[in-house]
Amino acid sequence: MELLLILLVGIFYASGIFLMLRRSMVKLLLGLLLLGNGANILIFLTGGLTKGKPPIIDEAEKTFTGVYADPVPQALILTAIVISFALNSFAVILLKKVYATTGSDDLDSLNIQDLDI
C-alpha cells in the first residue's frame, strides 16, 4: 500500500512540475494543485500507515501502551488543504481578471507595459 502511495506522489510531482513549465496560466494553476496534493500525500506517508486505535488515553493510563495512529500528520494535511483551497480560489479569480484584461492566458504574451489599467 505504501509503495502505491509513493508512486502516486512521484506521479503528482512529475506531472505538476511538467504543467508548471507550460506557457498557459491554467496549466500553471493545475500544476500547483498537483504539487499540493503530492505534498499532502507525502506528509501522510511520513506519519506512517497505522491500523491501530485512535490516540485517546484512557483515564486509568498515563501513557500510550499499544499501537496508535499519529494525529499530527493528519492535522497538518487538514491545514494544508484549507490553505491550498484559499490559494487556488485566489488564483482562479486572478486568472479570470488577467484573462478579461488581456484576452489571453499565454504567459509569454503578457506584457505589463501594454496594459491600460
PDB file of N, CA and C in Angstrom:
ATOM      1  N   MET A   1       0.822  -1.193   0.000  1.00  0.00           N
ATOM      2  CA  MET A   1       0.000   0.000   0.000  1.00  0.00           C
ATOM      3  C   MET A   1       0.873   1.267   0.000  1.00  0.00           C
ATOM      4  N   GLU A   2       1.945   1.246   0.796  1.00  0.00           N
ATOM      5  CA  GLU A   2       2.810   2.426   0.850  1.00  0.00           C
ATOM      6  C   GLU A   2       3.546   2.630  -0.467  1.00  0.00           C
ATOM      7  N   LEU A   3       3.900   1.538  -1.147  1.00  0.00           N
ATOM      8  CA  LEU A   3       4.587   1.658  -2.433  1.00  0.00           C
ATOM      9  C   LEU A   3       3.680   2.325  -3.465  1.00  0.00           C
ATOM     10  N   LEU A   4       2.413   1.997  -3.437  1.00  0.00           N
ATOM     11  CA  LEU A   4       1.460   2.623  -4.356  1.00  0.00           C
ATOM     12  C   LEU A   4       1.344   4.119  -4.089  1.00  0.00           C
ATOM     13  N   LEU A   5       1.306   4.506  -2.832  1.00  0.00           N
ATOM     14  CA  LEU A   5       1.231   5.925  -2.495  1.00  0.00           C
ATOM     15  C   LEU A   5       2.529   6.656  -2.839  1.00  0.00           C
ATOM     16  N   ILE A   6       3.667   5.987  -2.693  1.00  0.00           N
ATOM     17  CA  ILE A   6       4.943   6.599  -3.076  1.00  0.00           C
ATOM     18  C   ILE A   6       4.976   6.843  -4.577  1.00  0.00           C
ATOM     19  N   LEU A   7       4.505   5.884  -5.356  1.00  0.00           N
ATOM     20  CA  LEU A   7       4.427   6.079  -6.804  1.00  0.00           C
ATOM     21  C   LEU A   7       3.461   7.205  -7.165  1.00  0.00           C
ATOM     22  N   LEU A   8       2.373   7.303  -6.439  1.00  0.00           N
ATOM     23  CA  LEU A   8       1.405   8.371  -6.684  1.00  0.00           C
ATOM     24  C   LEU A   8       2.007   9.741  -6.386  1.00  0.00           C
ATOM     25  N   VAL A   9       2.793   9.848  -5.323  1.00  0.00           N
ATOM     26  CA  VAL A   9       3.470  11.109  -5.007  1.00  0.00           C
ATOM     27  C   VAL A   9       4.424  11.485  -6.136  1.00  0.00           C
ATOM     28  N   GLY A  10       5.187  10.518  -6.634  1.00  0.00           N
ATOM     29  CA  GLY A  10       6.107  10.784  -7.737  1.00  0.00           C
ATOM     30  C   GLY A  10       5.393  11.226  -8.998  1.00  0.00           C
ATOM     31  N   ILE A  11       4.266  10.600  -9.298  1.00  0.00           N
ATOM     32  CA  ILE A  11       3.486  10.986 -10.474  1.00  0.00           C
ATOM     33  C   ILE A  11       2.913  12.382 -10.299  1.00  0.00           C
ATOM     34  N   PHE A  12       2.408  12.695  -9.114  1.00  0.00           N
ATOM     35  CA  PHE A  12       1.874  14.038  -8.860  1.00  0.00           C
ATOM     36  C   PHE A  12       2.958  15.106  -8.993  1.00  0.00           C
ATOM     37  N   TYR A  13       4.140  14.851  -8.419  1.00  0.00           N
ATOM     38  CA  TYR A  13       5.227  15.821  -8.510  1.00  0.00           C
ATOM     39  C   TYR A  13       5.681  16.003  -9.967  1.00  0.00           C
ATOM     40  N   ALA A  14       5.863  14.897 -10.670  1.00  0.00           N
ATOM     41  CA  ALA A  14       6.348  14.979 -12.056  1.00  0.00           C
ATOM     42  C   ALA A  14       5.341  15.694 -12.953  1.00  0.00           C
ATOM     43  N   SER A  15       4.081  15.333 -12.858  1.00  0.00           N
ATOM     44  CA  SER A  15       3.088  15.985 -13.713  1.00  0.00           C
ATOM     45  C   SER A  15       2.844  17.431 -13.286  1.00  0.00           C
ATOM     46  N   GLY A  16       2.951  17.721 -12.000  1.00  0.00           N
ATOM     47  CA  GLY A  16       2.788  19.095 -11.540  1.00  0.00           C
ATOM     48  C   GLY A  16       3.894  20.000 -12.042  1.00  0.00           C
ATOM     49  N   ILE A  17       5.130  19.530 -11.979  1.00  0.00           N
ATOM     50  CA  ILE A  17       6.249  20.332 -12.480  1.00  0.00           C
ATOM     51  C   ILE A  17       6.167  20.468 -13.993  1.00  0.00           C
ATOM     52  N   PHE A  18       5.769  19.404 -14.681  1.00  0.00           N
ATOM     53  CA  PHE A  18       5.609  19.478 -16.133  1.00  0.00           C
ATOM     54  C   PHE A  18       4.561  20.523 -16.510  1.00  0.00           C
ATOM     55  N   LEU A  19       3.440  20.527 -15.824  1.00  0.00           N
ATOM     56  CA  LEU A  19       2.395  21.511 -16.136  1.00  0.00           C
ATOM     57  C   LEU A  19       2.819  22.927 -15.774  1.00  0.00           C
ATOM     58  N   MET A  20       3.601  23.082 -14.716  1.00  0.00           N
ATOM     59  CA  MET A  20       4.045  24.421 -14.335  1.00  0.00           C
ATOM     60  C   MET A  20       5.029  25.012 -15.345  1.00  0.00           C
ATOM     61  N   LEU A  21       5.690  24.186 -16.118  1.00  0.00           N
ATOM     62  CA  LEU A  21       6.637  24.663 -17.117  1.00  0.00           C
ATOM     63  C   LEU A  21       5.973  24.990 -18.460  1.00  0.00           C
ATOM     64  N   ARG A  22       4.677  24.786 -18.571  1.00  0.00           N
ATOM     65  CA  ARG A  22       3.950  25.125 -19.799  1.00  0.00           C
ATOM     66  C   ARG A  22       3.688  26.626 -19.843  1.00  0.00           C
ATOM     67  N   ARG A  23       3.221  27.132 -20.974  1.00  0.00           N
ATOM     68  CA  ARG A  23       3.033  28.572 -21.157  1.00  0.00           C
ATOM     69  C   ARG A  23       1.672  29.060 -20.667  1.00  0.00           C
ATOM     70  N   SER A  24       0.730  28.196 -20.465  1.00  0.00           N
ATOM     71  CA  SER A  24      -0.626  28.602 -20.096  1.00  0.00           C
ATOM     72  C   SER A  24      -0.755  28.803 -18.588  1.00  0.00           C
ATOM     73  N   MET A  25      -1.497  29.842 -18.198  1.00  0.00           N
ATOM     74  CA  MET A  25      -1.717  30.082 -16.767  1.00  0.00           C
ATOM     75  C   MET A  25      -2.634  29.031 -16.160  1.00  0.00           C
ATOM     76  N   VAL A  26      -3.544  28.479 -16.954  1.00  0.00           N
ATOM     77  CA  VAL A  26      -4.433  27.424 -16.447  1.00  0.00           C
ATOM     78  C   VAL A  26      -3.614  26.180 -16.114  1.00  0.00           C
ATOM     79  N   LYS A  27      -2.666  25.840 -16.987  1.00  0.00           N
ATOM     80  CA  LYS A  27      -1.804  24.687 -16.719  1.00  0.00           C
ATOM     81  C   LYS A  27      -0.903  24.948 -15.522  1.00  0.00           C
ATOM     82  N   LEU A  28      -0.494  26.185 -15.346  1.00  0.00           N
ATOM     83  CA  LEU A  28       0.299  26.549 -14.167  1.00  0.00           C
ATOM     84  C   LEU A  28      -0.504  26.314 -12.893  1.00  0.00           C
ATOM     85  N   LEU A  29      -1.759  26.709 -12.906  1.00  0.00           N
ATOM     86  CA  LEU A  29      -2.623  26.510 -11.742  1.00  0.00           C
ATOM     87  C   LEU A  29      -2.873  25.026 -11.482  1.00  0.00           C
ATOM     88  N   LEU A  30      -3.100  24.253 -12.538  1.00  0.00           N
ATOM     89  CA  LEU A  30      -3.290  22.808 -12.361  1.00  0.00           C
ATOM     90  C   LEU A  30      -2.019  22.147 -11.830  1.00  0.00           C
ATOM     91  N   GLY A  31      -0.857  22.630 -12.274  1.00  0.00           N
ATOM     92  CA  GLY A  31       0.407  22.109 -11.751  1.00  0.00           C
ATOM     93  C   GLY A  31       0.568  22.390 -10.272  1.00  0.00           C
ATOM     94  N   LEU A  32       0.154  23.597  -9.848  1.00  0.00           N
ATOM     95  CA  LEU A  32       0.200  23.910  -8.414  1.00  0.00           C
ATOM     96  C   LEU A  32      -0.730  23.002  -7.614  1.00  0.00           C
ATOM     97  N   LEU A  33      -1.897  22.710  -8.164  1.00  0.00           N
ATOM     98  CA  LEU A  33      -2.828  21.796  -7.492  1.00  0.00           C
ATOM     99  C   LEU A  33      -2.208  20.409  -7.325  1.00  0.00           C
ATOM    100  N   LEU A  34      -1.591  19.910  -8.388  1.00  0.00           N
ATOM    101  CA  LEU A  34      -0.990  18.580  -8.309  1.00  0.00           C
ATOM    102  C   LEU A  34       0.188  18.547  -7.337  1.00  0.00           C
ATOM    103  N   LEU A  35       0.999  19.599  -7.326  1.00  0.00           N
ATOM    104  CA  LEU A  35       2.097  19.645  -6.365  1.00  0.00           C
ATOM    105  C   LEU A  35       1.586  19.679  -4.928  1.00  0.00           C
ATOM    106  N   GLY A  36       0.518  20.422  -4.695  1.00  0.00           N
ATOM    107  CA  GLY A  36      -0.061  20.479  -3.354  1.00  0.00           C
ATOM    108  C   GLY A  36      -0.604  19.137  -2.908  1.00  0.00           C
ATOM    109  N   ASN A  37      -1.279  18.431  -3.816  1.00  0.00           N
ATOM    110  CA  ASN A  37      -1.803  17.111  -3.466  1.00  0.00           C
ATOM    111  C   ASN A  37      -0.679  16.110  -3.238  1.00  0.00           C
ATOM    112  N   GLY A  38       0.375  16.211  -4.044  1.00  0.00           N
ATOM    113  CA  GLY A  38       1.528  15.335  -3.828  1.00  0.00           C
ATOM    114  C   GLY A  38       2.191  15.580  -2.484  1.00  0.00           C
ATOM    115  N   ALA A  39       2.292  16.856  -2.104  1.00  0.00           N
ATOM    116  CA  ALA A  39       2.883  17.185  -0.801  1.00  0.00           C
ATOM    117  C   ALA A  39       2.007  16.673   0.342  1.00  0.00           C
ATOM    118  N   ASN A  40       0.688  16.755   0.197  1.00  0.00           N
ATOM    119  CA  ASN A  40      -0.204  16.245   1.239  1.00  0.00           C
ATOM    120  C   ASN A  40      -0.053  14.742   1.416  1.00  0.00           C
ATOM    121  N   ILE A  41       0.036  14.008   0.325  1.00  0.00           N
ATOM    122  CA  ILE A  41       0.212  12.555   0.428  1.00  0.00           C
ATOM    123  C   ILE A  41       1.577  12.223   1.023  1.00  0.00           C
ATOM    124  N   LEU A  42       2.592  13.027   0.686  1.00  0.00           N
ATOM    125  CA  LEU A  42       3.919  12.801   1.251  1.00  0.00           C
ATOM    126  C   LEU A  42       3.915  13.021   2.767  1.00  0.00           C
ATOM    127  N   ILE A  43       3.238  14.055   3.231  1.00  0.00           N
ATOM    128  CA  ILE A  43       3.119  14.284   4.682  1.00  0.00           C
ATOM    129  C   ILE A  43       2.370  13.122   5.337  1.00  0.00           C
ATOM    130  N   PHE A  44       1.345  12.631   4.661  1.00  0.00           N
ATOM    131  CA  PHE A  44       0.589  11.493   5.182  1.00  0.00           C
ATOM    132  C   PHE A  44       1.479  10.262   5.295  1.00  0.00           C
ATOM    133  N   LEU A  45       2.351  10.059   4.325  1.00  0.00           N
ATOM    134  CA  LEU A  45       3.241   8.896   4.357  1.00  0.00           C
ATOM    135  C   LEU A  45       4.310   9.007   5.437  1.00  0.00           C
ATOM    136  N   THR A  46       4.756  10.219   5.741  1.00  0.00           N
ATOM    137  CA  THR A  46       5.780  10.363   6.772  1.00  0.00           C
ATOM    138  C   THR A  46       5.240   9.991   8.148  1.00  0.00           C
ATOM    139  N   GLY A  47       3.948  10.142   8.353  1.00  0.00           N
ATOM    140  CA  GLY A  47       3.340   9.751   9.626  1.00  0.00           C
ATOM    141  C   GLY A  47       3.212   8.252   9.768  1.00  0.00           C
ATOM    142  N   GLY A  48       3.289   7.535   8.670  1.00  0.00           N
ATOM    143  CA  GLY A  48       3.176   6.079   8.709  1.00  0.00           C
ATOM    144  C   GLY A  48       1.726   5.630   8.665  1.00  0.00           C
ATOM    145  N   LEU A  49       1.508   4.530   7.971  1.00  0.00           N
ATOM    146  CA  LEU A  49       0.168   3.957   7.904  1.00  0.00           C
ATOM    147  C   LEU A  49      -0.006   2.992   9.072  1.00  0.00           C
ATOM    148  N   THR A  50      -0.901   3.316   9.971  1.00  0.00           N
ATOM    149  CA  THR A  50      -1.115   2.513  11.167  1.00  0.00           C
ATOM    150  C   THR A  50      -2.582   2.117  11.247  1.00  0.00           C
ATOM    151  N   LYS A  51      -2.800   0.818  11.374  1.00  0.00           N
ATOM    152  CA  LYS A  51      -4.161   0.338  11.555  1.00  0.00           C
ATOM    153  C   LYS A  51      -4.393   0.072  13.040  1.00  0.00           C
ATOM    154  N   GLY A  52      -4.233   1.103  13.820  1.00  0.00           N
ATOM    155  CA  GLY A  52      -4.375   0.972  15.261  1.00  0.00           C
ATOM    156  C   GLY A  52      -5.595   1.713  15.762  1.00  0.00           C
ATOM    157  N   LYS A  53      -5.581   1.946  17.036  1.00  0.00           N
ATOM    158  CA  LYS A  53      -6.663   2.667  17.675  1.00  0.00           C
ATOM    159  C   LYS A  53      -6.412   4.161  17.591  1.00  0.00           C
ATOM    160  N   PRO A  54      -7.444   4.968  17.768  1.00  0.00           N
ATOM    161  CA  PRO A  54      -7.223   6.417  17.794  1.00  0.00           C
ATOM    162  C   PRO A  54      -6.393   6.798  19.023  1.00  0.00           C
ATOM    163  N   PRO A  55      -5.659   7.906  18.961  1.00  0.00           N
ATOM    164  CA  PRO A  55      -4.768   8.287  20.072  1.00  0.00           C
ATOM    165  C   PRO A  55      -5.531   8.922  21.236  1.00  0.00           C
ATOM    166  N   ILE A  56      -6.271   8.113  21.937  1.00  0.00           N
ATOM    167  CA  ILE A  56      -7.022   8.569  23.110  1.00  0.00           C
ATOM    168  C   ILE A  56      -6.542   7.770  24.314  1.00  0.00           C
ATOM    169  N   ILE A  57      -6.100   8.482  25.347  1.00  0.00           N
ATOM    170  CA  ILE A  57      -5.610   7.814  26.554  1.00  0.00           C
ATOM    171  C   ILE A  57      -6.781   7.606  27.514  1.00  0.00           C
ATOM    172  N   ASP A  58      -6.889   6.393  28.001  1.00  0.00           N
ATOM    173  CA  ASP A  58      -7.912   6.094  28.998  1.00  0.00           C
ATOM    174  C   ASP A  58      -7.563   6.818  30.296  1.00  0.00           C
ATOM    175  N   GLU A  59      -8.555   7.096  31.124  1.00  0.00           N
ATOM    176  CA  GLU A  59      -8.334   7.821  32.380  1.00  0.00           C
ATOM    177  C   GLU A  59      -7.409   7.076  33.328  1.00  0.00           C
ATOM    178  N   ALA A  60      -7.416   5.750  33.271  1.00  0.00           N
ATOM    179  CA  ALA A  60      -6.598   4.964  34.188  1.00  0.00           C
ATOM    180  C   ALA A  60      -5.132   4.898  33.750  1.00  0.00           C
ATOM    181  N   GLU A  61      -4.857   5.157  32.474  1.00  0.00           N
ATOM    182  CA  GLU A  61      -3.483   5.051  31.970  1.00  0.00           C
ATOM    183  C   GLU A  61      -2.814   6.424  31.952  1.00  0.00           C
ATOM    184  N   LYS A  62      -1.499   6.411  32.022  1.00  0.00           N
ATOM    185  CA  LYS A  62      -0.717   7.643  31.964  1.00  0.00           C
ATOM    186  C   LYS A  62      -0.054   7.834  30.599  1.00  0.00           C
ATOM    187  N   THR A  63       0.228   6.735  29.888  1.00  0.00           N
ATOM    188  CA  THR A  63       0.888   6.799  28.584  1.00  0.00           C
ATOM    189  C   THR A  63       0.192   5.844  27.627  1.00  0.00           C
ATOM    190  N   PHE A  64       0.552   5.970  26.339  1.00  0.00           N
ATOM    191  CA  PHE A  64       0.049   5.022  25.341  1.00  0.00           C
ATOM    192  C   PHE A  64       0.774   3.696  25.525  1.00  0.00           C
ATOM    193  N   THR A  65       0.031   2.611  25.483  1.00  0.00           N
ATOM    194  CA  THR A  65       0.648   1.299  25.663  1.00  0.00           C
ATOM    195  C   THR A  65       0.643   0.486  24.380  1.00  0.00           C
ATOM    196  N   GLY A  66      -0.249   0.763  23.475  1.00  0.00           N
ATOM    197  CA  GLY A  66      -0.337  -0.032  22.251  1.00  0.00           C
ATOM    198  C   GLY A  66      -0.038   0.788  21.007  1.00  0.00           C
ATOM    199  N   VAL A  67      -0.387   0.214  19.888  1.00  0.00           N
ATOM    200  CA  VAL A  67      -0.206   0.887  18.603  1.00  0.00           C
ATOM    201  C   VAL A  67      -1.331   1.917  18.437  1.00  0.00           C
ATOM    202  N   TYR A  68      -0.949   3.114  18.019  1.00  0.00           N
ATOM    203  CA  TYR A  68      -1.959   4.150  17.821  1.00  0.00           C
ATOM    204  C   TYR A  68      -1.627   4.948  16.571  1.00  0.00           C
ATOM    205  N   ALA A  69      -2.631   5.605  16.024  1.00  0.00           N
ATOM    206  CA  ALA A  69      -2.441   6.447  14.843  1.00  0.00           C
ATOM    207  C   ALA A  69      -1.968   7.830  15.279  1.00  0.00           C
ATOM    208  N   ASP A  70      -0.942   8.338  14.608  1.00  0.00           N
ATOM    209  CA  ASP A  70      -0.377   9.644  14.940  1.00  0.00           C
ATOM    210  C   ASP A  70      -1.284  10.737  14.371  1.00  0.00           C
ATOM    211  N   PRO A  71      -1.818  11.643  15.186  1.00  0.00           N
ATOM    212  CA  PRO A  71      -2.741  12.662  14.681  1.00  0.00           C
ATOM    213  C   PRO A  71      -2.052  13.881  14.080  1.00  0.00           C
ATOM    214  N   VAL A  72      -0.749  14.061  14.278  1.00  0.00           N
ATOM    215  CA  VAL A  72      -0.065  15.275  13.805  1.00  0.00           C
ATOM    216  C   VAL A  72      -0.046  15.370  12.278  1.00  0.00           C
ATOM    217  N   PRO A  73       0.331  14.312  11.542  1.00  0.00           N
ATOM    218  CA  PRO A  73       0.287  14.438  10.077  1.00  0.00           C
ATOM    219  C   PRO A  73      -1.123  14.712   9.550  1.00  0.00           C
ATOM    220  N   GLN A  74      -2.114  14.136  10.176  1.00  0.00           N
ATOM    221  CA  GLN A  74      -3.489  14.375   9.739  1.00  0.00           C
ATOM    222  C   GLN A  74      -3.890  15.827   9.965  1.00  0.00           C
ATOM    223  N   ALA A  75      -3.465  16.409  11.071  1.00  0.00           N
ATOM    224  CA  ALA A  75      -3.768  17.813  11.332  1.00  0.00           C
ATOM    225  C   ALA A  75      -3.017  18.725  10.360  1.00  0.00           C
ATOM    226  N   LEU A  76      -1.770  18.379  10.046  1.00  0.00           N
ATOM    227  CA  LEU A  76      -1.010  19.163   9.072  1.00  0.00           C
ATOM    228  C   LEU A  76      -1.652  19.113   7.691  1.00  0.00           C
ATOM    229  N   ILE A  77      -2.116  17.943   7.287  1.00  0.00           N
ATOM    230  CA  ILE A  77      -2.759  17.800   5.980  1.00  0.00           C
ATOM    231  C   ILE A  77      -4.057  18.587   5.941  1.00  0.00           C
ATOM    232  N   LEU A  78      -4.833  18.541   6.996  1.00  0.00           N
ATOM    233  CA  LEU A  78      -6.080  19.293   7.028  1.00  0.00           C
ATOM    234  C   LEU A  78      -5.813  20.792   6.914  1.00  0.00           C
ATOM    235  N   THR A  79      -4.800  21.279   7.597  1.00  0.00           N
ATOM    236  CA  THR A  79      -4.432  22.689   7.492  1.00  0.00           C
ATOM    237  C   THR A  79      -3.953  23.022   6.083  1.00  0.00           C
ATOM    238  N   ALA A  80      -3.161  22.134   5.494  1.00  0.00           N
ATOM    239  CA  ALA A  80      -2.656  22.371   4.138  1.00  0.00           C
ATOM    240  C   ALA A  80      -3.788  22.376   3.116  1.00  0.00           C
ATOM    241  N   ILE A  81      -4.798  21.556   3.310  1.00  0.00           N
ATOM    242  CA  ILE A  81      -5.934  21.536   2.389  1.00  0.00           C
ATOM    243  C   ILE A  81      -6.685  22.858   2.440  1.00  0.00           C
ATOM    244  N   VAL A  82      -6.895  23.389   3.626  1.00  0.00           N
ATOM    245  CA  VAL A  82      -7.605  24.662   3.765  1.00  0.00           C
ATOM    246  C   VAL A  82      -6.800  25.800   3.137  1.00  0.00           C
ATOM    247  N   ILE A  83      -5.500  25.821   3.378  1.00  0.00           N
ATOM    248  CA  ILE A  83      -4.657  26.878   2.818  1.00  0.00           C
ATOM    249  C   ILE A  83      -4.580  26.766   1.300  1.00  0.00           C
ATOM    250  N   SER A  84      -4.447  25.554   0.774  1.00  0.00           N
ATOM    251  CA  SER A  84      -4.370  25.398  -0.682  1.00  0.00           C
ATOM    252  C   SER A  84      -5.695  25.746  -1.348  1.00  0.00           C
ATOM    253  N   PHE A  85      -6.824  25.497  -0.679  1.00  0.00           N
ATOM    254  CA  PHE A  85      -8.110  25.895  -1.243  1.00  0.00           C
ATOM    255  C   PHE A  85      -8.204  27.414  -1.345  1.00  0.00           C
ATOM    256  N   ALA A  86      -7.758  28.110  -0.319  1.00  0.00           N
ATOM    257  CA  ALA A  86      -7.777  29.574  -0.355  1.00  0.00           C
ATOM    258  C   ALA A  86      -6.834  30.106  -1.430  1.00  0.00           C
ATOM    259  N   LEU A  87      -5.651  29.530  -1.541  1.00  0.00           N
ATOM    260  CA  LEU A  87      -4.697  29.956  -2.553  1.00  0.00           C
ATOM    261  C   LEU A  87      -5.233  29.713  -3.957  1.00  0.00           C
ATOM    262  N   ASN A  88      -5.823  28.554  -4.177  1.00  0.00           N
ATOM    263  CA  ASN A  88      -6.357  28.245  -5.502  1.00  0.00           C
ATOM    264  C   ASN A  88      -7.568  29.094  -5.840  1.00  0.00           C
ATOM    265  N   SER A  89      -8.392  29.409  -4.876  1.00  0.00           N
ATOM    266  CA  SER A  89      -9.535  30.298  -5.124  1.00  0.00           C
ATOM    267  C   SER A  89      -9.052  31.682  -5.538  1.00  0.00           C
ATOM    268  N   PHE A  90      -8.047  32.194  -4.844  1.00  0.00           N
ATOM    269  CA  PHE A  90      -7.477  33.486  -5.207  1.00  0.00           C
ATOM    270  C   PHE A  90      -6.851  33.434  -6.597  1.00  0.00           C
ATOM    271  N   ALA A  91      -6.160  32.348  -6.913  1.00  0.00           N
ATOM    272  CA  ALA A  91      -5.505  32.224  -8.216  1.00  0.00           C
ATOM    273  C   ALA A  91      -6.522  32.152  -9.352  1.00  0.00           C
ATOM    274  N   VAL A  92      -7.650  31.491  -9.126  1.00  0.00           N
ATOM    275  CA  VAL A  92      -8.688  31.419 -10.164  1.00  0.00           C
ATOM    276  C   VAL A  92      -9.279  32.800 -10.425  1.00  0.00           C
ATOM    277  N   ILE A  93      -9.549  33.561  -9.374  1.00  0.00           N
ATOM    278  CA  ILE A  93     -10.075  34.914  -9.541  1.00  0.00           C
ATOM    279  C   ILE A  93      -9.052  35.799 -10.250  1.00  0.00           C
ATOM    280  N   LEU A  94      -7.790  35.678  -9.873  1.00  0.00           N
ATOM    281  CA  LEU A  94      -6.734  36.443 -10.522  1.00  0.00           C
ATOM    282  C   LEU A  94      -6.587  36.050 -11.986  1.00  0.00           C
ATOM    283  N   LEU A  95      -6.696  34.772 -12.276  1.00  0.00           N
ATOM    284  CA  LEU A  95      -6.628  34.280 -13.652  1.00  0.00           C
ATOM    285  C   LEU A  95      -7.773  34.830 -14.490  1.00  0.00           C
ATOM    286  N   LYS A  96      -8.980  34.861 -13.929  1.00  0.00           N
ATOM    287  CA  LYS A  96     -10.122  35.422 -14.648  1.00  0.00           C
ATOM    288  C   LYS A  96      -9.922  36.901 -14.940  1.00  0.00           C
ATOM    289  N   LYS A  97      -9.371  37.648 -13.992  1.00  0.00           N
ATOM    290  CA  LYS A  97      -9.136  39.082 -14.170  1.00  0.00           C
ATOM    291  C   LYS A  97      -8.076  39.334 -15.244  1.00  0.00           C
ATOM    292  N   VAL A  98      -6.996  38.548 -15.226  1.00  0.00           N
ATOM    293  CA  VAL A  98      -5.947  38.703 -16.226  1.00  0.00           C
ATOM    294  C   VAL A  98      -6.480  38.356 -17.610  1.00  0.00           C
ATOM    295  N   TYR A  99      -7.273  37.295 -17.703  1.00  0.00           N
ATOM    296  CA  TYR A  99      -7.831  36.902 -19.000  1.00  0.00           C
ATOM    297  C   TYR A  99      -8.826  37.944 -19.509  1.00  0.00           C
ATOM    298  N   ALA A 100      -9.634  38.521 -18.611  1.00  0.00           N
ATOM    299  CA  ALA A 100     -10.587  39.556 -19.022  1.00  0.00           C
ATOM    300  C   ALA A 100      -9.860  40.820 -19.471  1.00  0.00           C
ATOM    301  N   THR A 101      -8.721  41.115 -18.864  1.00  0.00           N
ATOM    302  CA  THR A 101      -7.968  42.322 -19.217  1.00  0.00           C
ATOM    303  C   THR A 101      -7.179  42.143 -20.505  1.00  0.00           C
ATOM    304  N   THR A 102      -6.511  40.993 -20.644  1.00  0.00           N
ATOM    305  CA  THR A 102      -5.607  40.798 -21.780  1.00  0.00           C
ATOM    306  C   THR A 102      -6.209  39.985 -22.912  1.00  0.00           C
ATOM    307  N   GLY A 103      -7.172  39.133 -22.621  1.00  0.00           N
ATOM    308  CA  GLY A 103      -7.751  38.269 -23.647  1.00  0.00           C
ATOM    309  C   GLY A 103      -6.907  37.048 -23.951  1.00  0.00           C
ATOM    310  N   SER A 104      -5.928  36.758 -23.127  1.00  0.00           N
ATOM    311  CA  SER A 104      -5.051  35.614 -23.353  1.00  0.00           C
ATOM    312  C   SER A 104      -4.594  35.061 -22.010  1.00  0.00           C
ATOM    313  N   ASP A 105      -4.323  33.750 -22.003  1.00  0.00           N
ATOM    314  CA  ASP A 105      -3.745  33.157 -20.795  1.00  0.00           C
ATOM    315  C   ASP A 105      -2.319  32.687 -21.045  1.00  0.00           C
ATOM    316  N   ASP A 106      -1.739  33.089 -22.169  1.00  0.00           N
ATOM    317  CA  ASP A 106      -0.373  32.739 -22.509  1.00  0.00           C
ATOM    318  C   ASP A 106       0.587  33.617 -21.715  1.00  0.00           C
ATOM    319  N   LEU A 107       1.451  32.987 -20.939  1.00  0.00           N
ATOM    320  CA  LEU A 107       2.364  33.743 -20.088  1.00  0.00           C
ATOM    321  C   LEU A 107       3.402  34.531 -20.881  1.00  0.00           C
ATOM    322  N   ASP A 108       3.785  34.028 -22.061  1.00  0.00           N
ATOM    323  CA  ASP A 108       4.785  34.734 -22.856  1.00  0.00           C
ATOM    324  C   ASP A 108       4.232  35.970 -23.552  1.00  0.00           C
ATOM    325  N   SER A 109       2.920  36.002 -23.778  1.00  0.00           N
ATOM    326  CA  SER A 109       2.343  37.145 -24.480  1.00  0.00           C
ATOM    327  C   SER A 109       1.963  38.294 -23.544  1.00  0.00           C
ATOM    328  N   LEU A 110       2.034  38.057 -22.245  1.00  0.00           N
ATOM    329  CA  LEU A 110       1.680  39.118 -21.303  1.00  0.00           C
ATOM    330  C   LEU A 110       2.821  40.122 -21.195  1.00  0.00           C
ATOM    331  N   ASN A 111       2.477  41.393 -21.317  1.00  0.00           N
ATOM    332  CA  ASN A 111       3.466  42.455 -21.180  1.00  0.00           C
ATOM    333  C   ASN A 111       2.811  43.574 -20.384  1.00  0.00           C
ATOM    334  N   ILE A 112       3.321  43.879 -19.226  1.00  0.00           N
ATOM    335  CA  ILE A 112       2.716  44.858 -18.316  1.00  0.00           C
ATOM    336  C   ILE A 112       2.671  46.240 -18.947  1.00  0.00           C
ATOM    337  N   GLN A 113       3.623  46.601 -19.777  1.00  0.00           N
ATOM    338  CA  GLN A 113       3.678  47.932 -20.350  1.00  0.00           C
ATOM    339  C   GLN A 113       2.566  48.188 -21.359  1.00  0.00           C
ATOM    340  N   ASP A 114       2.015  47.121 -21.963  1.00  0.00           N
ATOM    341  CA  ASP A 114       0.986  47.293 -22.968  1.00  0.00           C
ATOM    342  C   ASP A 114      -0.411  47.386 -22.381  1.00  0.00           C
ATOM    343  N   LEU A 115      -0.575  47.141 -21.101  1.00  0.00           N
ATOM    344  CA  LEU A 115      -1.890  47.135 -20.474  1.00  0.00           C
ATOM    345  C   LEU A 115      -2.332  48.554 -20.132  1.00  0.00           C
ATOM    346  N   ASP A 116      -3.584  48.848 -20.394  1.00  0.00           N
ATOM    347  CA  ASP A 116      -4.174  50.121 -19.997  1.00  0.00           C
ATOM    348  C   ASP A 116      -5.078  49.868 -18.818  1.00  0.00           C
ATOM    349  N   ILE A 117      -4.546  50.015 -17.631  1.00  0.00           N
ATOM    350  CA  ILE A 117      -5.327  49.734 -16.408  1.00  0.00           C
ATOM    351  C   ILE A 117      -5.841  51.028 -15.843  1.00  0.00           C
TER     352      ILE A 117
END
